[in-house]
Amino acid sequence: GLPRVSDGSLLFLLHLLSKMRPAQDGGSRFGIVLNGSPLFTGGAGSGESEIRRYLLENDLVEAIIGLPTDMFYNTGISTYIWIVSNRKPAARKGKVQLIDASGFWQKMRKSLGNKRNELSDDHIRELVRLYGAHEHDARSEVLVEGKPEQRVCSKVFDNRDFGYLKITV
């Protein structure tokens, strides 16, 4: 599939896929920060949907991590880290891990445009721990209005759980 011309995110993701070392030669793994459009645009059968289907059917998506808003200069949009691999460990084969890190942030001392939030070293360590644990319903402590709260931050799904059809009646 081809994405719409007004959105280069999926096109850039496809470009990175084309640069991956083949699995029989050791494979590759990369992480990329994208906005929400690669996750949410395009209905069933659209170019965007077909790209997502290709990624899932070929077991290339290892994890998607939802970051807090206001993390990047001059944009307040939600962003996601995609971990893409053609050399998944056996425990991750056929699975996609979703991590909600939207509560992992601290205010910056001084804003830079719309960049008001940042990840602390502790937040990064916790994200790495959640990713490495690869557990369904893994909990983590996040601050909500300045108070610690336990939340489910990691879920692991089968690739087939993301399939859908659009039926017009």
N, C-alpha and C. Protein backbone atom coordinates (compact mmCIF):
# COMPACT_ATOMS: atom_id res chain seq x y z
N GLY A 1 0.82 -1.19 0.00
CA GLY A 1 0.00 0.00 0.00
C GLY A 1 0.85 1.25 0.00
N LEU A 2 0.27 2.33 -0.43
CA LEU A 2 0.93 3.63 -0.41
C LEU A 2 0.15 4.57 0.51
N PRO A 3 0.86 5.32 1.34
CA PRO A 3 0.17 6.29 2.19
C PRO A 3 -0.25 7.50 1.38
N ARG A 4 -1.12 8.34 1.95
CA ARG A 4 -1.52 9.58 1.27
C ARG A 4 -0.32 10.52 1.16
N VAL A 5 -0.31 11.34 0.16
CA VAL A 5 0.84 12.20 -0.11
C VAL A 5 1.02 13.29 0.95
N SER A 6 -0.04 13.61 1.71
CA SER A 6 0.06 14.66 2.72
C SER A 6 0.68 14.18 4.02
N ASP A 7 1.01 12.89 4.11
CA ASP A 7 1.56 12.34 5.35
C ASP A 7 2.78 11.48 5.03
N GLY A 8 3.95 11.97 5.37
CA GLY A 8 5.18 11.26 5.04
C GLY A 8 5.63 10.26 6.09
N SER A 9 4.92 10.15 7.23
CA SER A 9 5.36 9.27 8.31
C SER A 9 5.47 7.81 7.88
N LEU A 10 4.41 7.29 7.27
CA LEU A 10 4.44 5.89 6.85
C LEU A 10 5.43 5.69 5.70
N LEU A 11 5.57 6.68 4.86
CA LEU A 11 6.53 6.57 3.76
C LEU A 11 7.95 6.47 4.31
N PHE A 12 8.24 7.28 5.35
CA PHE A 12 9.56 7.22 5.97
C PHE A 12 9.75 5.86 6.67
N LEU A 13 8.71 5.36 7.32
CA LEU A 13 8.78 4.03 7.96
C LEU A 13 9.07 2.96 6.91
N LEU A 14 8.40 3.03 5.77
CA LEU A 14 8.67 2.06 4.69
C LEU A 14 10.10 2.18 4.17
N HIS A 15 10.60 3.41 4.11
CA HIS A 15 11.99 3.61 3.68
C HIS A 15 12.95 2.91 4.65
N LEU A 16 12.71 3.07 5.96
CA LEU A 16 13.56 2.40 6.96
C LEU A 16 13.45 0.88 6.83
N LEU A 17 12.24 0.37 6.57
CA LEU A 17 12.08 -1.08 6.37
C LEU A 17 12.92 -1.57 5.21
N SER A 18 12.99 -0.77 4.15
CA SER A 18 13.76 -1.19 2.97
C SER A 18 15.25 -1.24 3.26
N LYS A 19 15.71 -0.57 4.30
CA LYS A 19 17.13 -0.53 4.65
C LYS A 19 17.52 -1.62 5.66
N MET A 20 16.54 -2.40 6.13
CA MET A 20 16.84 -3.43 7.12
C MET A 20 17.66 -4.56 6.51
N ARG A 21 18.59 -5.09 7.29
CA ARG A 21 19.36 -6.26 6.88
C ARG A 21 18.40 -7.46 6.86
N PRO A 22 18.48 -8.30 5.86
CA PRO A 22 17.60 -9.47 5.80
C PRO A 22 17.76 -10.36 7.05
N ALA A 23 16.66 -11.00 7.44
CA ALA A 23 16.67 -11.86 8.64
C ALA A 23 17.73 -12.95 8.54
N GLN A 24 17.92 -13.52 7.34
CA GLN A 24 18.90 -14.60 7.19
C GLN A 24 20.33 -14.10 7.34
N ASP A 25 20.54 -12.77 7.28
CA ASP A 25 21.87 -12.19 7.49
C ASP A 25 22.02 -11.57 8.87
N GLY A 26 21.15 -11.94 9.79
CA GLY A 26 21.23 -11.42 11.16
C GLY A 26 20.12 -10.46 11.52
N GLY A 27 19.45 -9.91 10.51
CA GLY A 27 18.30 -9.04 10.75
C GLY A 27 18.67 -7.68 11.31
N SER A 28 17.65 -6.91 11.59
CA SER A 28 17.81 -5.55 12.10
C SER A 28 16.71 -5.23 13.10
N ARG A 29 16.97 -4.21 13.89
CA ARG A 29 15.97 -3.66 14.80
C ARG A 29 16.18 -2.15 14.80
N PHE A 30 15.08 -1.39 14.74
CA PHE A 30 15.20 0.06 14.84
C PHE A 30 14.03 0.62 15.61
N GLY A 31 14.24 1.79 16.15
CA GLY A 31 13.19 2.54 16.82
C GLY A 31 13.01 3.85 16.10
N ILE A 32 11.77 4.28 15.98
CA ILE A 32 11.47 5.54 15.31
C ILE A 32 10.35 6.24 16.07
N VAL A 33 10.45 7.54 16.21
CA VAL A 33 9.41 8.33 16.85
C VAL A 33 8.50 8.88 15.76
N LEU A 34 7.20 8.58 15.87
CA LEU A 34 6.22 9.03 14.88
C LEU A 34 5.03 9.67 15.60
N ASN A 35 4.27 10.49 14.88
CA ASN A 35 3.03 10.99 15.45
C ASN A 35 1.97 9.88 15.35
N GLY A 36 0.74 10.19 15.64
CA GLY A 36 -0.30 9.16 15.67
C GLY A 36 -0.84 8.75 14.32
N SER A 37 -0.51 9.48 13.25
CA SER A 37 -1.12 9.18 11.96
C SER A 37 -0.85 7.75 11.46
N PRO A 38 0.35 7.18 11.61
CA PRO A 38 0.54 5.81 11.14
C PRO A 38 -0.33 4.78 11.88
N LEU A 39 -0.75 5.13 13.09
CA LEU A 39 -1.60 4.22 13.86
C LEU A 39 -3.07 4.36 13.51
N PHE A 40 -3.51 5.57 13.19
CA PHE A 40 -4.94 5.84 13.18
C PHE A 40 -5.53 6.24 11.84
N THR A 41 -4.74 6.63 10.85
CA THR A 41 -5.33 7.09 9.58
C THR A 41 -5.64 5.94 8.66
N GLY A 42 -6.62 6.16 7.80
CA GLY A 42 -6.97 5.20 6.77
C GLY A 42 -7.83 4.06 7.26
N GLY A 43 -8.96 3.87 6.60
CA GLY A 43 -9.86 2.77 6.93
C GLY A 43 -9.37 1.47 6.31
N ALA A 44 -10.10 0.40 6.59
CA ALA A 44 -9.74 -0.92 6.07
C ALA A 44 -9.63 -0.87 4.55
N GLY A 45 -8.55 -1.43 4.03
CA GLY A 45 -8.33 -1.48 2.60
C GLY A 45 -7.61 -0.27 2.05
N SER A 46 -7.42 0.77 2.86
CA SER A 46 -6.68 1.95 2.39
C SER A 46 -5.19 1.63 2.35
N GLY A 47 -4.42 2.52 1.74
CA GLY A 47 -2.98 2.32 1.68
C GLY A 47 -2.36 2.22 3.06
N GLU A 48 -2.79 3.10 3.99
CA GLU A 48 -2.26 3.08 5.35
C GLU A 48 -2.58 1.76 6.05
N SER A 49 -3.82 1.30 5.88
CA SER A 49 -4.24 0.04 6.49
C SER A 49 -3.44 -1.14 5.94
N GLU A 50 -3.19 -1.12 4.64
CA GLU A 50 -2.43 -2.20 4.01
C GLU A 50 -0.98 -2.21 4.50
N ILE A 51 -0.41 -1.04 4.77
CA ILE A 51 0.95 -0.98 5.31
C ILE A 51 0.97 -1.57 6.72
N ARG A 52 0.00 -1.17 7.55
CA ARG A 52 -0.07 -1.74 8.91
C ARG A 52 -0.26 -3.25 8.84
N ARG A 53 -1.11 -3.69 7.91
CA ARG A 53 -1.33 -5.14 7.78
C ARG A 53 -0.03 -5.85 7.39
N TYR A 54 0.72 -5.29 6.47
CA TYR A 54 2.00 -5.86 6.07
C TYR A 54 2.94 -5.98 7.28
N LEU A 55 3.02 -4.92 8.07
CA LEU A 55 3.90 -4.93 9.25
C LEU A 55 3.50 -6.02 10.23
N LEU A 56 2.20 -6.18 10.46
CA LEU A 56 1.73 -7.18 11.42
C LEU A 56 1.82 -8.60 10.86
N GLU A 57 1.42 -8.80 9.63
CA GLU A 57 1.46 -10.14 9.04
C GLU A 57 2.88 -10.65 8.88
N ASN A 58 3.83 -9.75 8.73
CA ASN A 58 5.24 -10.14 8.61
C ASN A 58 5.96 -10.06 9.95
N ASP A 59 5.19 -9.87 11.03
CA ASP A 59 5.70 -9.91 12.41
C ASP A 59 6.88 -8.96 12.61
N LEU A 60 6.72 -7.72 12.14
CA LEU A 60 7.81 -6.75 12.21
C LEU A 60 7.69 -5.77 13.38
N VAL A 61 6.47 -5.59 13.91
CA VAL A 61 6.28 -4.63 15.01
C VAL A 61 6.52 -5.36 16.34
N GLU A 62 7.54 -4.90 17.05
CA GLU A 62 7.88 -5.50 18.34
C GLU A 62 7.16 -4.79 19.48
N ALA A 63 7.14 -3.45 19.44
CA ALA A 63 6.49 -2.69 20.49
C ALA A 63 6.14 -1.29 19.97
N ILE A 64 5.10 -0.71 20.58
CA ILE A 64 4.75 0.68 20.34
C ILE A 64 4.58 1.32 21.71
N ILE A 65 5.29 2.42 21.92
CA ILE A 65 5.31 3.10 23.22
C ILE A 65 4.68 4.47 23.05
N GLY A 66 3.57 4.71 23.73
CA GLY A 66 2.90 6.00 23.70
C GLY A 66 3.57 6.97 24.67
N LEU A 67 4.08 8.06 24.15
CA LEU A 67 4.79 9.06 24.97
C LEU A 67 3.83 10.15 25.44
N PRO A 68 4.24 10.93 26.45
CA PRO A 68 3.42 12.06 26.87
C PRO A 68 3.38 13.15 25.79
N THR A 69 2.40 14.03 25.87
CA THR A 69 2.35 15.17 24.96
C THR A 69 3.39 16.20 25.39
N ASP A 70 3.60 17.19 24.55
CA ASP A 70 4.52 18.30 24.82
C ASP A 70 5.96 17.86 25.05
N MET A 71 6.39 16.83 24.31
CA MET A 71 7.75 16.30 24.47
C MET A 71 8.73 16.86 23.44
N PHE A 72 8.21 17.42 22.35
CA PHE A 72 9.08 17.86 21.28
C PHE A 72 8.87 19.33 20.96
N TYR A 73 9.92 19.97 20.53
CA TYR A 73 9.92 21.40 20.23
C TYR A 73 8.87 21.75 19.19
N ASN A 74 8.09 22.76 19.47
CA ASN A 74 7.08 23.33 18.57
C ASN A 74 5.95 22.39 18.20
N THR A 75 5.67 21.39 19.00
CA THR A 75 4.50 20.57 18.75
C THR A 75 4.00 19.98 20.07
N GLY A 76 2.70 20.01 20.24
CA GLY A 76 2.10 19.44 21.45
C GLY A 76 1.39 18.14 21.17
N ILE A 77 1.61 17.55 19.97
CA ILE A 77 0.89 16.34 19.58
C ILE A 77 1.41 15.11 20.31
N SER A 78 0.57 14.07 20.32
CA SER A 78 1.00 12.79 20.88
C SER A 78 2.00 12.13 19.94
N THR A 79 2.99 11.49 20.53
CA THR A 79 4.02 10.80 19.74
C THR A 79 4.20 9.39 20.27
N TYR A 80 4.72 8.54 19.40
CA TYR A 80 4.86 7.12 19.71
C TYR A 80 6.22 6.64 19.24
N ILE A 81 6.84 5.78 20.04
CA ILE A 81 8.07 5.12 19.60
C ILE A 81 7.66 3.76 19.05
N TRP A 82 8.02 3.48 17.83
CA TRP A 82 7.80 2.17 17.23
C TRP A 82 9.13 1.42 17.29
N ILE A 83 9.11 0.22 17.83
CA ILE A 83 10.27 -0.68 17.78
C ILE A 83 9.94 -1.72 16.72
N VAL A 84 10.72 -1.73 15.65
CA VAL A 84 10.47 -2.61 14.51
C VAL A 84 11.66 -3.54 14.36
N SER A 85 11.37 -4.83 14.16
CA SER A 85 12.45 -5.81 14.09
C SER A 85 12.08 -6.98 13.20
N ASN A 86 13.07 -7.49 12.48
CA ASN A 86 12.88 -8.75 11.74
C ASN A 86 13.74 -9.85 12.37
N ARG A 87 14.09 -9.65 13.63
CA ARG A 87 14.86 -10.66 14.39
C ARG A 87 14.34 -10.76 15.82
N LYS A 88 13.03 -10.88 15.95
CA LYS A 88 12.41 -10.94 17.27
C LYS A 88 12.87 -12.18 18.03
N PRO A 89 13.08 -12.04 19.35
CA PRO A 89 13.34 -13.22 20.17
C PRO A 89 12.11 -14.13 20.17
N ALA A 90 12.29 -15.39 20.48
CA ALA A 90 11.20 -16.37 20.43
C ALA A 90 9.98 -15.93 21.24
N ALA A 91 10.19 -15.35 22.42
CA ALA A 91 9.06 -14.96 23.28
C ALA A 91 8.23 -13.83 22.67
N ARG A 92 8.80 -13.06 21.76
CA ARG A 92 8.10 -11.93 21.15
C ARG A 92 7.49 -12.26 19.79
N LYS A 93 7.79 -13.44 19.25
CA LYS A 93 7.28 -13.79 17.93
C LYS A 93 5.75 -13.85 17.94
N GLY A 94 5.15 -13.22 16.93
CA GLY A 94 3.70 -13.21 16.82
C GLY A 94 3.00 -12.29 17.81
N LYS A 95 3.76 -11.45 18.48
CA LYS A 95 3.22 -10.57 19.53
C LYS A 95 3.60 -9.12 19.27
N VAL A 96 2.78 -8.20 19.80
CA VAL A 96 3.08 -6.77 19.81
C VAL A 96 2.86 -6.29 21.24
N GLN A 97 3.84 -5.59 21.77
CA GLN A 97 3.74 -5.02 23.11
C GLN A 97 3.37 -3.54 22.99
N LEU A 98 2.32 -3.15 23.71
CA LEU A 98 1.93 -1.75 23.77
C LEU A 98 2.25 -1.23 25.16
N ILE A 99 2.96 -0.11 25.22
CA ILE A 99 3.34 0.49 26.51
C ILE A 99 2.76 1.89 26.57
N ASP A 100 2.03 2.17 27.63
CA ASP A 100 1.47 3.50 27.84
C ASP A 100 2.40 4.27 28.76
N ALA A 101 3.17 5.17 28.18
CA ALA A 101 4.10 5.99 28.96
C ALA A 101 3.60 7.43 29.05
N SER A 102 2.30 7.63 28.81
CA SER A 102 1.77 8.99 28.81
C SER A 102 1.86 9.65 30.18
N GLY A 103 1.97 8.86 31.24
CA GLY A 103 2.11 9.42 32.58
C GLY A 103 3.55 9.54 33.05
N PHE A 104 4.49 9.22 32.18
CA PHE A 104 5.91 9.28 32.54
C PHE A 104 6.50 10.60 32.05
N TRP A 105 6.39 11.63 32.85
CA TRP A 105 6.96 12.91 32.45
C TRP A 105 7.18 13.78 33.68
N GLN A 106 8.04 14.76 33.47
CA GLN A 106 8.23 15.80 34.47
C GLN A 106 8.28 17.12 33.73
N LYS A 107 7.82 18.17 34.40
CA LYS A 107 7.86 19.50 33.80
C LYS A 107 9.31 19.94 33.61
N MET A 108 9.58 20.59 32.49
CA MET A 108 10.90 21.15 32.26
C MET A 108 11.04 22.43 33.09
N ARG A 109 12.26 22.73 33.46
CA ARG A 109 12.50 23.95 34.21
C ARG A 109 12.10 25.17 33.40
N LYS A 110 12.42 25.14 32.11
CA LYS A 110 12.07 26.23 31.21
C LYS A 110 11.58 25.63 29.89
N SER A 111 10.38 26.02 29.47
CA SER A 111 9.81 25.49 28.23
C SER A 111 10.61 25.95 27.02
N LEU A 112 10.60 25.13 25.99
CA LEU A 112 11.18 25.47 24.69
C LEU A 112 10.05 25.40 23.67
N GLY A 113 9.39 26.52 23.43
CA GLY A 113 8.21 26.50 22.56
C GLY A 113 7.14 25.65 23.24
N ASN A 114 6.61 24.67 22.51
CA ASN A 114 5.61 23.76 23.09
C ASN A 114 6.25 22.60 23.86
N LYS A 115 7.55 22.49 23.86
CA LYS A 115 8.22 21.42 24.61
C LYS A 115 8.26 21.83 26.07
N ARG A 116 7.34 21.21 26.84
CA ARG A 116 7.22 21.55 28.26
C ARG A 116 7.55 20.38 29.18
N ASN A 117 7.50 19.18 28.62
CA ASN A 117 7.69 17.96 29.42
C ASN A 117 8.92 17.20 28.94
N GLU A 118 9.47 16.41 29.86
CA GLU A 118 10.62 15.57 29.52
C GLU A 118 10.58 14.29 30.34
N LEU A 119 11.30 13.30 29.86
CA LEU A 119 11.45 12.04 30.60
C LEU A 119 12.66 12.17 31.50
N SER A 120 12.52 11.78 32.75
CA SER A 120 13.66 11.76 33.66
C SER A 120 14.44 10.46 33.45
N ASP A 121 15.61 10.36 34.04
CA ASP A 121 16.38 9.12 33.97
C ASP A 121 15.59 7.96 34.57
N ASP A 122 14.84 8.22 35.65
CA ASP A 122 14.01 7.18 36.26
C ASP A 122 12.90 6.73 35.32
N HIS A 123 12.30 7.67 34.59
CA HIS A 123 11.26 7.31 33.63
C HIS A 123 11.84 6.41 32.54
N ILE A 124 13.00 6.78 32.04
CA ILE A 124 13.63 5.99 30.97
C ILE A 124 13.97 4.59 31.48
N ARG A 125 14.50 4.49 32.69
CA ARG A 125 14.81 3.17 33.27
C ARG A 125 13.54 2.32 33.39
N GLU A 126 12.43 2.95 33.81
CA GLU A 126 11.17 2.22 33.96
C GLU A 126 10.63 1.77 32.60
N LEU A 127 10.75 2.61 31.58
CA LEU A 127 10.33 2.21 30.24
C LEU A 127 11.14 1.04 29.72
N VAL A 128 12.44 1.08 29.94
CA VAL A 128 13.31 -0.01 29.52
C VAL A 128 12.96 -1.29 30.28
N ARG A 129 12.64 -1.15 31.57
CA ARG A 129 12.25 -2.31 32.38
C ARG A 129 10.95 -2.92 31.84
N LEU A 130 9.95 -2.07 31.58
CA LEU A 130 8.67 -2.57 31.05
C LEU A 130 8.85 -3.26 29.71
N TYR A 131 9.65 -2.65 28.83
CA TYR A 131 9.90 -3.24 27.52
C TYR A 131 10.61 -4.58 27.67
N GLY A 132 11.64 -4.61 28.49
CA GLY A 132 12.41 -5.85 28.68
C GLY A 132 11.63 -6.96 29.34
N ALA A 133 10.72 -6.61 30.26
CA ALA A 133 9.92 -7.62 30.96
C ALA A 133 8.93 -8.29 30.02
N HIS A 134 8.43 -7.55 29.03
CA HIS A 134 7.51 -8.10 28.03
C HIS A 134 6.36 -8.85 28.70
N GLU A 135 5.71 -8.21 29.66
CA GLU A 135 4.62 -8.83 30.42
C GLU A 135 3.29 -8.18 30.08
N HIS A 136 2.25 -9.00 30.02
CA HIS A 136 0.89 -8.49 29.85
C HIS A 136 0.41 -7.99 31.21
N ASP A 137 -0.18 -6.82 31.23
CA ASP A 137 -0.69 -6.19 32.46
C ASP A 137 0.41 -5.84 33.45
N ALA A 138 1.60 -5.52 32.97
CA ALA A 138 2.67 -5.06 33.86
C ALA A 138 2.29 -3.69 34.41
N ARG A 139 2.49 -3.52 35.70
CA ARG A 139 2.13 -2.27 36.36
C ARG A 139 3.37 -1.44 36.64
N SER A 140 3.13 -0.13 36.72
CA SER A 140 4.20 0.79 37.04
C SER A 140 3.61 1.94 37.82
N GLU A 141 4.46 2.63 38.56
CA GLU A 141 4.01 3.77 39.32
C GLU A 141 4.24 5.05 38.52
N VAL A 142 3.17 5.83 38.39
CA VAL A 142 3.27 7.13 37.72
C VAL A 142 2.72 8.19 38.65
N LEU A 143 3.11 9.43 38.43
CA LEU A 143 2.60 10.54 39.23
C LEU A 143 1.34 11.09 38.57
N VAL A 144 0.26 11.18 39.31
CA VAL A 144 -0.97 11.78 38.85
C VAL A 144 -1.29 12.92 39.79
N GLU A 145 -1.25 14.13 39.25
CA GLU A 145 -1.45 15.34 40.06
C GLU A 145 -0.52 15.34 41.27
N GLY A 146 0.72 14.92 41.04
CA GLY A 146 1.74 14.95 42.07
C GLY A 146 1.71 13.79 43.05
N LYS A 147 0.75 12.86 42.87
CA LYS A 147 0.64 11.71 43.78
C LYS A 147 0.95 10.43 43.04
N PRO A 148 1.72 9.51 43.66
CA PRO A 148 2.03 8.24 42.99
C PRO A 148 0.78 7.37 42.85
N GLU A 149 0.66 6.75 41.68
CA GLU A 149 -0.49 5.88 41.40
C GLU A 149 0.00 4.69 40.59
N GLN A 150 -0.45 3.49 40.92
CA GLN A 150 -0.11 2.29 40.15
C GLN A 150 -1.03 2.21 38.94
N ARG A 151 -0.46 1.98 37.76
CA ARG A 151 -1.24 1.84 36.54
C ARG A 151 -0.71 0.68 35.72
N VAL A 152 -1.63 0.07 34.97
CA VAL A 152 -1.20 -0.93 33.98
C VAL A 152 -0.58 -0.15 32.83
N CYS A 153 0.68 -0.42 32.57
CA CYS A 153 1.39 0.35 31.54
C CYS A 153 1.85 -0.49 30.36
N SER A 154 1.73 -1.81 30.45
CA SER A 154 2.20 -2.67 29.37
C SER A 154 1.19 -3.77 29.12
N LYS A 155 0.87 -3.97 27.86
CA LYS A 155 0.01 -5.08 27.46
C LYS A 155 0.65 -5.75 26.25
N VAL A 156 0.49 -7.04 26.16
CA VAL A 156 1.05 -7.81 25.05
C VAL A 156 -0.12 -8.48 24.32
N PHE A 157 -0.17 -8.26 23.01
CA PHE A 157 -1.25 -8.80 22.19
C PHE A 157 -0.70 -9.68 21.09
N ASP A 158 -1.52 -10.61 20.61
CA ASP A 158 -1.18 -11.38 19.42
C ASP A 158 -1.34 -10.47 18.21
N ASN A 159 -0.52 -10.66 17.20
CA ASN A 159 -0.63 -9.86 15.98
C ASN A 159 -2.05 -9.90 15.41
N ARG A 160 -2.68 -11.07 15.47
CA ARG A 160 -4.01 -11.21 14.86
C ARG A 160 -5.08 -10.38 15.59
N ASP A 161 -4.82 -9.94 16.81
CA ASP A 161 -5.78 -9.12 17.54
C ASP A 161 -6.00 -7.76 16.89
N PHE A 162 -5.11 -7.36 16.00
CA PHE A 162 -5.21 -6.05 15.37
C PHE A 162 -5.92 -6.08 14.02
N GLY A 163 -6.33 -7.25 13.56
CA GLY A 163 -7.00 -7.36 12.28
C GLY A 163 -8.44 -6.87 12.37
N TYR A 164 -8.92 -6.25 11.30
CA TYR A 164 -10.31 -5.82 11.24
C TYR A 164 -10.76 -5.72 9.81
N LEU A 165 -12.06 -5.68 9.62
CA LEU A 165 -12.66 -5.51 8.29
C LEU A 165 -13.63 -4.36 8.33
N LYS A 166 -13.81 -3.72 7.21
CA LYS A 166 -14.84 -2.69 7.08
C LYS A 166 -15.94 -3.27 6.23
N ILE A 167 -17.14 -3.33 6.78
CA ILE A 167 -18.29 -3.91 6.06
C ILE A 167 -19.34 -2.81 5.90
N THR A 168 -19.73 -2.53 4.66
CA THR A 168 -20.76 -1.55 4.39
C THR A 168 -22.08 -2.28 4.23
N VAL A 169 -23.07 -1.87 5.01
CA VAL A 169 -24.39 -2.50 4.96
C VAL A 169 -25.35 -1.57 4.23
